[in-house]
PDB file of all heavy atoms in Angstrom:
ATOM      1  N   SER A   1      10.269  17.156   6.051  1.00  0.00           N
ATOM      2  CA  SER A   1       9.308  17.272   7.171  1.00  0.00           C
ATOM      3  C   SER A   1       9.293  15.991   7.977  1.00  0.00           C
ATOM      4  O   SER A   1       8.220  15.460   8.314  1.00  0.00           O
ATOM      5  CB  SER A   1       7.912  17.567   6.626  1.00  0.00           C
ATOM      6  OG  SER A   1       7.921  18.770   5.885  1.00  0.00           O
ATOM      7  N   LEU A   2      10.449  15.522   8.317  1.00  0.00           N
ATOM      8  CA  LEU A   2      10.527  14.225   8.993  1.00  0.00           C
ATOM      9  C   LEU A   2       9.956  14.315  10.430  1.00  0.00           C
ATOM     10  O   LEU A   2      10.003  15.328  11.097  1.00  0.00           O
ATOM     11  CB  LEU A   2      12.021  13.810   9.119  1.00  0.00           C
ATOM     12  CG  LEU A   2      12.531  13.231   7.766  1.00  0.00           C
ATOM     13  CD1 LEU A   2      14.054  13.221   7.739  1.00  0.00           C
ATOM     14  CD2 LEU A   2      11.971  11.822   7.563  1.00  0.00           C
ATOM     15  N   LYS A   3       9.377  13.194  10.826  1.00  0.00           N
ATOM     16  CA  LYS A   3       8.689  13.067  12.118  1.00  0.00           C
ATOM     17  C   LYS A   3       9.382  11.949  12.915  1.00  0.00           C
ATOM     18  O   LYS A   3       9.998  11.071  12.308  1.00  0.00           O
ATOM     19  CB  LYS A   3       7.213  12.733  11.916  1.00  0.00           C
ATOM     20  CG  LYS A   3       6.485  13.683  10.988  1.00  0.00           C
ATOM     21  CD  LYS A   3       5.069  13.189  10.760  1.00  0.00           C
ATOM     22  CE  LYS A   3       4.327  14.111   9.787  1.00  0.00           C
ATOM     23  NZ  LYS A   3       2.932  13.599   9.517  1.00  0.00           N
ATOM     24  N   ALA A   4       9.120  11.953  14.191  1.00  0.00           N
ATOM     25  CA  ALA A   4       9.696  10.893  15.019  1.00  0.00           C
ATOM     26  C   ALA A   4       9.248   9.536  14.544  1.00  0.00           C
ATOM     27  O   ALA A   4      10.002   8.541  14.614  1.00  0.00           O
ATOM     28  CB  ALA A   4       9.303  11.109  16.469  1.00  0.00           C
ATOM     29  N   GLU A   5       8.024   9.433  14.072  1.00  0.00           N
ATOM     30  CA  GLU A   5       7.507   8.155  13.629  1.00  0.00           C
ATOM     31  C   GLU A   5       8.124   7.662  12.303  1.00  0.00           C
ATOM     32  O   GLU A   5       7.795   6.580  11.870  1.00  0.00           O
ATOM     33  CB  GLU A   5       5.958   8.205  13.518  1.00  0.00           C
ATOM     34  CG  GLU A   5       5.420   9.355  12.720  1.00  0.00           C
ATOM     35  CD  GLU A   5       5.022  10.508  13.606  1.00  0.00           C
ATOM     36  OE1 GLU A   5       5.777  10.854  14.548  1.00  0.00           O
ATOM     37  OE2 GLU A   5       3.945  11.102  13.343  1.00  0.00           O
ATOM     38  N   ASP A   6       8.933   8.468  11.704  1.00  0.00           N
ATOM     39  CA  ASP A   6       9.682   8.034  10.525  1.00  0.00           C
ATOM     40  C   ASP A   6      10.937   7.272  10.895  1.00  0.00           C
ATOM     41  O   ASP A   6      11.611   6.721  10.014  1.00  0.00           O
ATOM     42  CB  ASP A   6      10.071   9.215   9.635  1.00  0.00           C
ATOM     43  CG  ASP A   6       8.864   9.903   9.022  1.00  0.00           C
ATOM     44  OD1 ASP A   6       7.915   9.208   8.593  1.00  0.00           O
ATOM     45  OD2 ASP A   6       8.842  11.153   9.007  1.00  0.00           O
ATOM     46  N   THR A   7      11.278   7.246  12.148  1.00  0.00           N
ATOM     47  CA  THR A   7      12.461   6.519  12.631  1.00  0.00           C
ATOM     48  C   THR A   7      12.336   5.025  12.285  1.00  0.00           C
ATOM     49  O   THR A   7      11.371   4.391  12.680  1.00  0.00           O
ATOM     50  CB  THR A   7      12.637   6.721  14.153  1.00  0.00           C
ATOM     51  OG1 THR A   7      12.899   8.057  14.404  1.00  0.00           O
ATOM     52  CG2 THR A   7      13.791   5.838  14.652  1.00  0.00           C
ATOM     53  N   ALA A   8      13.339   4.513  11.558  1.00  0.00           N
ATOM     54  CA  ALA A   8      13.283   3.138  11.122  1.00  0.00           C
ATOM     55  C   ALA A   8      14.574   2.804  10.383  1.00  0.00           C
ATOM     56  O   ALA A   8      15.368   3.703  10.038  1.00  0.00           O
ATOM     57  CB  ALA A   8      12.091   2.879  10.238  1.00  0.00           C
ATOM     58  N   VAL A   9      14.750   1.539  10.082  1.00  0.00           N
ATOM     59  CA  VAL A   9      15.733   1.121   9.127  1.00  0.00           C
ATOM     60  C   VAL A   9      15.077   1.078   7.757  1.00  0.00           C
ATOM     61  O   VAL A   9      14.036   0.431   7.566  1.00  0.00           O
ATOM     62  CB  VAL A   9      16.319  -0.275   9.466  1.00  0.00           C
ATOM     63  CG1 VAL A   9      17.271  -0.715   8.339  1.00  0.00           C
ATOM     64  CG2 VAL A   9      17.013  -0.257  10.797  1.00  0.00           C
ATOM     65  N   TYR A  10      15.658   1.836   6.840  1.00  0.00           N
ATOM     66  CA  TYR A  10      15.124   1.925   5.456  1.00  0.00           C
ATOM     67  C   TYR A  10      15.897   1.034   4.552  1.00  0.00           C
ATOM     68  O   TYR A  10      17.119   1.130   4.456  1.00  0.00           O
ATOM     69  CB  TYR A  10      15.163   3.366   5.019  1.00  0.00           C
ATOM     70  CG  TYR A  10      14.123   4.252   5.633  1.00  0.00           C
ATOM     71  CD1 TYR A  10      14.202   4.602   6.978  1.00  0.00           C
ATOM     72  CD2 TYR A  10      13.000   4.696   4.891  1.00  0.00           C
ATOM     73  CE1 TYR A  10      13.218   5.392   7.585  1.00  0.00           C
ATOM     74  CE2 TYR A  10      12.022   5.498   5.491  1.00  0.00           C
ATOM     75  CZ  TYR A  10      12.174   5.842   6.844  1.00  0.00           C
ATOM     76  OH  TYR A  10      11.200   6.617   7.422  1.00  0.00           O
ATOM     77  N   SER A  11      15.182   0.247   3.794  1.00  0.00           N
ATOM     78  CA  SER A  11      15.787  -0.690   2.820  1.00  0.00           C
ATOM     79  C   SER A  11      15.199  -0.508   1.476  1.00  0.00           C
ATOM     80  O   SER A  11      14.013  -0.247   1.333  1.00  0.00           O
ATOM     81  CB  SER A  11      15.596  -2.142   3.281  1.00  0.00           C
ATOM     82  OG  SER A  11      16.126  -2.396   4.574  1.00  0.00           O
ATOM     83  N   CYS A  12      16.028  -0.663   0.464  1.00  0.00           N
ATOM     84  CA  CYS A  12      15.525  -0.659  -0.907  1.00  0.00           C
ATOM     85  C   CYS A  12      15.511  -2.110  -1.424  1.00  0.00           C
ATOM     86  O   CYS A  12      16.261  -2.981  -0.945  1.00  0.00           O
ATOM     87  CB  CYS A  12      16.342   0.192  -1.800  1.00  0.00           C
ATOM     88  SG  CYS A  12      18.058  -0.241  -2.011  1.00  0.00           S
ATOM     89  N   ALA A  13      14.626  -2.329  -2.370  1.00  0.00           N
ATOM     90  CA  ALA A  13      14.473  -3.667  -2.979  1.00  0.00           C
ATOM     91  C   ALA A  13      14.180  -3.489  -4.437  1.00  0.00           C
ATOM     92  O   ALA A  13      13.611  -2.513  -4.851  1.00  0.00           O
ATOM     93  CB  ALA A  13      13.356  -4.422  -2.269  1.00  0.00           C
ATOM     94  N   ALA A  14      14.545  -4.517  -5.229  1.00  0.00           N
ATOM     95  CA  ALA A  14      14.345  -4.424  -6.651  1.00  0.00           C
ATOM     96  C   ALA A  14      13.731  -5.722  -7.188  1.00  0.00           C
ATOM     97  O   ALA A  14      14.010  -6.822  -6.730  1.00  0.00           O
ATOM     98  CB  ALA A  14      15.699  -4.157  -7.322  1.00  0.00           C
ATOM     99  N   ARG A  15      12.902  -5.540  -8.213  1.00  0.00           N
ATOM    100  CA  ARG A  15      12.369  -6.686  -8.909  1.00  0.00           C
ATOM    101  C   ARG A  15      12.251  -6.353 -10.386  1.00  0.00           C
ATOM    102  O   ARG A  15      11.926  -5.257 -10.760  1.00  0.00           O
ATOM    103  CB  ARG A  15      11.033  -7.123  -8.325  1.00  0.00           C
ATOM    104  CG  ARG A  15       9.916  -6.152  -8.475  1.00  0.00           C
ATOM    105  CD  ARG A  15       8.595  -6.802  -8.010  1.00  0.00           C
ATOM    106  NE  ARG A  15       8.088  -7.723  -9.015  1.00  0.00           N
ATOM    107  CZ  ARG A  15       7.086  -8.571  -8.763  1.00  0.00           C
ATOM    108  NH1 ARG A  15       6.470  -8.581  -7.603  1.00  0.00           N
ATOM    109  NH2 ARG A  15       6.706  -9.430  -9.707  1.00  0.00           N
ATOM    110  N   ARG A  16      12.528  -7.389 -11.198  1.00  0.00           N
ATOM    111  CA  ARG A  16      12.474  -7.180 -12.637  1.00  0.00           C
ATOM    112  C   ARG A  16      11.018  -7.301 -13.081  1.00  0.00           C
ATOM    113  O   ARG A  16      10.407  -8.373 -12.966  1.00  0.00           O
ATOM    114  CB  ARG A  16      13.331  -8.216 -13.341  1.00  0.00           C
ATOM    115  CG  ARG A  16      13.460  -7.984 -14.824  1.00  0.00           C
ATOM    116  CD  ARG A  16      14.553  -8.828 -15.420  1.00  0.00           C
ATOM    117  NE  ARG A  16      14.799  -8.476 -16.798  1.00  0.00           N
ATOM    118  CZ  ARG A  16      15.974  -8.585 -17.392  1.00  0.00           C
ATOM    119  NH1 ARG A  16      17.019  -9.018 -16.694  1.00  0.00           N
ATOM    120  NH2 ARG A  16      16.117  -8.281 -18.642  1.00  0.00           N
ATOM    121  N   THR A  17      10.479  -6.218 -13.548  1.00  0.00           N
ATOM    122  CA  THR A  17       9.088  -6.200 -13.917  1.00  0.00           C
ATOM    123  C   THR A  17       8.756  -5.041 -14.813  1.00  0.00           C
ATOM    124  O   THR A  17       9.333  -3.959 -14.679  1.00  0.00           O
ATOM    125  CB  THR A  17       8.146  -6.166 -12.678  1.00  0.00           C
ATOM    126  OG1 THR A  17       6.789  -6.168 -13.095  1.00  0.00           O
ATOM    127  CG2 THR A  17       8.352  -4.881 -11.862  1.00  0.00           C
ATOM    128  N   SER A  18       7.783  -5.226 -15.674  1.00  0.00           N
ATOM    129  CA  SER A  18       7.225  -4.130 -16.443  1.00  0.00           C
ATOM    130  C   SER A  18       5.738  -3.953 -16.188  1.00  0.00           C
ATOM    131  O   SER A  18       5.052  -3.234 -16.908  1.00  0.00           O
ATOM    132  CB  SER A  18       7.456  -4.350 -17.961  1.00  0.00           C
ATOM    133  OG  SER A  18       6.864  -5.571 -18.341  1.00  0.00           O
ATOM    134  N   ALA A  19       5.279  -4.645 -15.127  1.00  0.00           N
ATOM    135  CA  ALA A  19       3.862  -4.600 -14.821  1.00  0.00           C
ATOM    136  C   ALA A  19       3.533  -3.283 -14.156  1.00  0.00           C
ATOM    137  O   ALA A  19       4.419  -2.542 -13.686  1.00  0.00           O
ATOM    138  CB  ALA A  19       3.526  -5.785 -13.868  1.00  0.00           C
ATOM    139  N   GLY A  20       2.245  -2.994 -14.063  1.00  0.00           N
ATOM    140  CA  GLY A  20       1.790  -1.783 -13.397  1.00  0.00           C
ATOM    141  C   GLY A  20       2.246  -1.738 -11.965  1.00  0.00           C
ATOM    142  O   GLY A  20       2.238  -2.734 -11.262  1.00  0.00           O
ATOM    143  N   ILE A  21       2.584  -0.553 -11.479  1.00  0.00           N
ATOM    144  CA  ILE A  21       3.204  -0.402 -10.173  1.00  0.00           C
ATOM    145  C   ILE A  21       2.368  -0.912  -9.032  1.00  0.00           C
ATOM    146  O   ILE A  21       2.871  -1.448  -8.059  1.00  0.00           O
ATOM    147  CB  ILE A  21       3.678   1.039  -9.937  1.00  0.00           C
ATOM    148  CG1 ILE A  21       4.697   1.131  -8.811  1.00  0.00           C
ATOM    149  CG2 ILE A  21       2.485   1.967  -9.745  1.00  0.00           C
ATOM    150  CD1 ILE A  21       5.358   2.522  -8.682  1.00  0.00           C
ATOM    151  N   SER A  22       1.084  -0.733  -9.156  1.00  0.00           N
ATOM    152  CA  SER A  22       0.192  -1.147  -8.063  1.00  0.00           C
ATOM    153  C   SER A  22       0.103  -2.662  -7.898  1.00  0.00           C
ATOM    154  O   SER A  22      -0.322  -3.146  -6.867  1.00  0.00           O
ATOM    155  CB  SER A  22      -1.197  -0.576  -8.280  1.00  0.00           C
ATOM    156  OG  SER A  22      -1.751  -1.074  -9.470  1.00  0.00           O
ATOM    157  N   THR A  23       0.526  -3.410  -8.942  1.00  0.00           N
ATOM    158  CA  THR A  23       0.444  -4.866  -8.851  1.00  0.00           C
ATOM    159  C   THR A  23       1.616  -5.492  -8.151  1.00  0.00           C
ATOM    160  O   THR A  23       1.561  -6.671  -7.767  1.00  0.00           O
ATOM    161  CB  THR A  23       0.364  -5.492 -10.277  1.00  0.00           C
ATOM    162  OG1 THR A  23       1.609  -5.220 -10.938  1.00  0.00           O
ATOM    163  CG2 THR A  23      -0.764  -4.866 -11.057  1.00  0.00           C
ATOM    164  N   TRP A  24       2.717  -4.743  -7.916  1.00  0.00           N
ATOM    165  CA  TRP A  24       3.883  -5.390  -7.325  1.00  0.00           C
ATOM    166  C   TRP A  24       4.534  -4.579  -6.184  1.00  0.00           C
ATOM    167  O   TRP A  24       5.263  -5.138  -5.375  1.00  0.00           O
ATOM    168  CB  TRP A  24       4.969  -5.651  -8.403  1.00  0.00           C
ATOM    169  CG  TRP A  24       5.364  -4.417  -9.185  1.00  0.00           C
ATOM    170  CD1 TRP A  24       4.866  -4.032 -10.397  1.00  0.00           C
ATOM    171  CD2 TRP A  24       6.356  -3.446  -8.838  1.00  0.00           C
ATOM    172  NE1 TRP A  24       5.471  -2.883 -10.804  1.00  0.00           N
ATOM    173  CE2 TRP A  24       6.392  -2.498  -9.888  1.00  0.00           C
ATOM    174  CE3 TRP A  24       7.221  -3.295  -7.764  1.00  0.00           C
ATOM    175  CZ2 TRP A  24       7.245  -1.386  -9.882  1.00  0.00           C
ATOM    176  CZ3 TRP A  24       8.106  -2.177  -7.727  1.00  0.00           C
ATOM    177  CH2 TRP A  24       8.084  -1.280  -8.767  1.00  0.00           C
ATOM    178  N   SER A  25       4.303  -3.314  -6.124  1.00  0.00           N
ATOM    179  CA  SER A  25       5.106  -2.442  -5.294  1.00  0.00           C
ATOM    180  C   SER A  25       5.037  -2.826  -3.803  1.00  0.00           C
ATOM    181  O   SER A  25       6.006  -2.751  -3.077  1.00  0.00           O
ATOM    182  CB  SER A  25       4.680  -0.973  -5.456  1.00  0.00           C
ATOM    183  OG  SER A  25       3.298  -0.850  -5.241  1.00  0.00           O
ATOM    184  N   GLY A  26       3.891  -3.214  -3.317  1.00  0.00           N
ATOM    185  CA  GLY A  26       3.745  -3.509  -1.875  1.00  0.00           C
ATOM    186  C   GLY A  26       3.972  -4.904  -1.474  1.00  0.00           C
ATOM    187  O   GLY A  26       3.919  -5.257  -0.271  1.00  0.00           O
ATOM    188  N   ILE A  27       4.240  -5.813  -2.413  1.00  0.00           N
ATOM    189  CA  ILE A  27       4.360  -7.233  -2.124  1.00  0.00           C
ATOM    190  C   ILE A  27       5.805  -7.550  -1.867  1.00  0.00           C
ATOM    191  O   ILE A  27       6.614  -7.760  -2.785  1.00  0.00           O
ATOM    192  CB  ILE A  27       3.836  -8.075  -3.295  1.00  0.00           C
ATOM    193  CG1 ILE A  27       2.359  -7.687  -3.582  1.00  0.00           C
ATOM    194  CG2 ILE A  27       3.932  -9.539  -2.948  1.00  0.00           C
ATOM    195  CD1 ILE A  27       1.808  -8.341  -4.839  1.00  0.00           C
ATOM    196  N   GLN A  28       6.193  -7.605  -0.620  1.00  0.00           N
ATOM    197  CA  GLN A  28       7.610  -7.767  -0.237  1.00  0.00           C
ATOM    198  C   GLN A  28       8.193  -9.088  -0.786  1.00  0.00           C
ATOM    199  O   GLN A  28       9.357  -9.078  -1.201  1.00  0.00           O
ATOM    200  CB  GLN A  28       7.752  -7.706   1.270  1.00  0.00           C
ATOM    201  CG  GLN A  28       7.337  -6.359   1.856  1.00  0.00           C
ATOM    202  CD  GLN A  28       7.599  -6.265   3.328  1.00  0.00           C
ATOM    203  OE1 GLN A  28       8.564  -6.767   3.849  1.00  0.00           O
ATOM    204  NE2 GLN A  28       6.671  -5.597   4.027  1.00  0.00           N
ATOM    205  N   SER A  29       7.416 -10.115  -0.773  1.00  0.00           N
ATOM    206  CA  SER A  29       7.933 -11.402  -1.234  1.00  0.00           C
ATOM    207  C   SER A  29       8.225 -11.432  -2.723  1.00  0.00           C
ATOM    208  O   SER A  29       8.882 -12.349  -3.214  1.00  0.00           O
ATOM    209  CB  SER A  29       6.937 -12.520  -0.867  1.00  0.00           C
ATOM    210  OG  SER A  29       5.689 -12.252  -1.507  1.00  0.00           O
ATOM    211  N   GLY A  30       7.719 -10.469  -3.453  1.00  0.00           N
ATOM    212  CA  GLY A  30       7.901 -10.422  -4.892  1.00  0.00           C
ATOM    213  C   GLY A  30       9.223  -9.817  -5.329  1.00  0.00           C
ATOM    214  O   GLY A  30       9.577  -9.892  -6.505  1.00  0.00           O
ATOM    215  N   TYR A  31       9.925  -9.182  -4.397  1.00  0.00           N
ATOM    216  CA  TYR A  31      11.178  -8.523  -4.767  1.00  0.00           C
ATOM    217  C   TYR A  31      12.295  -9.551  -4.861  1.00  0.00           C
ATOM    218  O   TYR A  31      12.372 -10.462  -4.034  1.00  0.00           O
ATOM    219  CB  TYR A  31      11.509  -7.414  -3.747  1.00  0.00           C
ATOM    220  CG  TYR A  31      10.659  -6.182  -3.906  1.00  0.00           C
ATOM    221  CD1 TYR A  31       9.336  -6.114  -3.364  1.00  0.00           C
ATOM    222  CD2 TYR A  31      11.097  -5.107  -4.690  1.00  0.00           C
ATOM    223  CE1 TYR A  31       8.611  -4.971  -3.542  1.00  0.00           C
ATOM    224  CE2 TYR A  31      10.307  -3.948  -4.862  1.00  0.00           C
ATOM    225  CZ  TYR A  31       9.066  -3.932  -4.285  1.00  0.00           C
ATOM    226  OH  TYR A  31       8.284  -2.798  -4.482  1.00  0.00           O
ATOM    227  N   ASP A  32      13.158  -9.337  -5.832  1.00  0.00           N
ATOM    228  CA  ASP A  32      14.240 -10.290  -6.070  1.00  0.00           C
ATOM    229  C   ASP A  32      15.486  -9.991  -5.234  1.00  0.00           C
ATOM    230  O   ASP A  32      16.239 -10.876  -4.854  1.00  0.00           O
ATOM    231  CB  ASP A  32      14.654 -10.267  -7.538  1.00  0.00           C
ATOM    232  CG  ASP A  32      13.470 -10.641  -8.439  1.00  0.00           C
ATOM    233  OD1 ASP A  32      12.804 -11.633  -8.183  1.00  0.00           O
ATOM    234  OD2 ASP A  32      13.179  -9.863  -9.378  1.00  0.00           O
ATOM    235  N   TYR A  33      15.732  -8.734  -4.980  1.00  0.00           N
ATOM    236  CA  TYR A  33      16.962  -8.319  -4.298  1.00  0.00           C
ATOM    237  C   TYR A  33      16.654  -7.258  -3.244  1.00  0.00           C
ATOM    238  O   TYR A  33      15.799  -6.413  -3.435  1.00  0.00           O
ATOM    239  CB  TYR A  33      17.978  -7.754  -5.292  1.00  0.00           C
ATOM    240  CG  TYR A  33      18.292  -8.675  -6.435  1.00  0.00           C
ATOM    241  CD1 TYR A  33      17.699  -8.509  -7.664  1.00  0.00           C
ATOM    242  CD2 TYR A  33      19.156  -9.784  -6.250  1.00  0.00           C
ATOM    243  CE1 TYR A  33      17.974  -9.402  -8.724  1.00  0.00           C
ATOM    244  CE2 TYR A  33      19.431 -10.628  -7.287  1.00  0.00           C
ATOM    245  CZ  TYR A  33      18.828 -10.440  -8.496  1.00  0.00           C
ATOM    246  OH  TYR A  33      19.090 -11.331  -9.523  1.00  0.00           O
ATOM    247  N   TRP A  34      17.423  -7.347  -2.178  1.00  0.00           N
ATOM    248  CA  TRP A  34      17.258  -6.408  -1.067  1.00  0.00           C
ATOM    249  C   TRP A  34      18.631  -5.855  -0.639  1.00  0.00           C
ATOM    250  O   TRP A  34      19.642  -6.570  -0.659  1.00  0.00           O
ATOM    251  CB  TRP A  34      16.636  -7.084   0.152  1.00  0.00           C
ATOM    252  CG  TRP A  34      15.197  -7.404  -0.019  1.00  0.00           C
ATOM    253  CD1 TRP A  34      14.671  -8.472  -0.660  1.00  0.00           C
ATOM    254  CD2 TRP A  34      14.092  -6.603   0.443  1.00  0.00           C
ATOM    255  NE1 TRP A  34      13.255  -8.404  -0.598  1.00  0.00           N
ATOM    256  CE2 TRP A  34      12.901  -7.271   0.056  1.00  0.00           C
ATOM    257  CE3 TRP A  34      13.986  -5.407   1.175  1.00  0.00           C
ATOM    258  CZ2 TRP A  34      11.640  -6.784   0.351  1.00  0.00           C
ATOM    259  CZ3 TRP A  34      12.720  -4.934   1.442  1.00  0.00           C
ATOM    260  CH2 TRP A  34      11.575  -5.610   1.059  1.00  0.00           C
ATOM    261  N   GLY A  35      18.611  -4.629  -0.194  1.00  0.00           N
ATOM    262  CA  GLY A  35      19.834  -4.049   0.410  1.00  0.00           C
ATOM    263  C   GLY A  35      19.847  -4.323   1.912  1.00  0.00           C
ATOM    264  O   GLY A  35      18.915  -4.925   2.437  1.00  0.00           O
TER     265      GLY A  35
END
């Protein structure tokens, strides 16, 4: 159900963690690697 407002460059990022998802998922500076 894609919309015009979904237009963007999409990137994935990874960080080594076993913490709860809400504690790290939105913090861009916390990711170790980016595509």
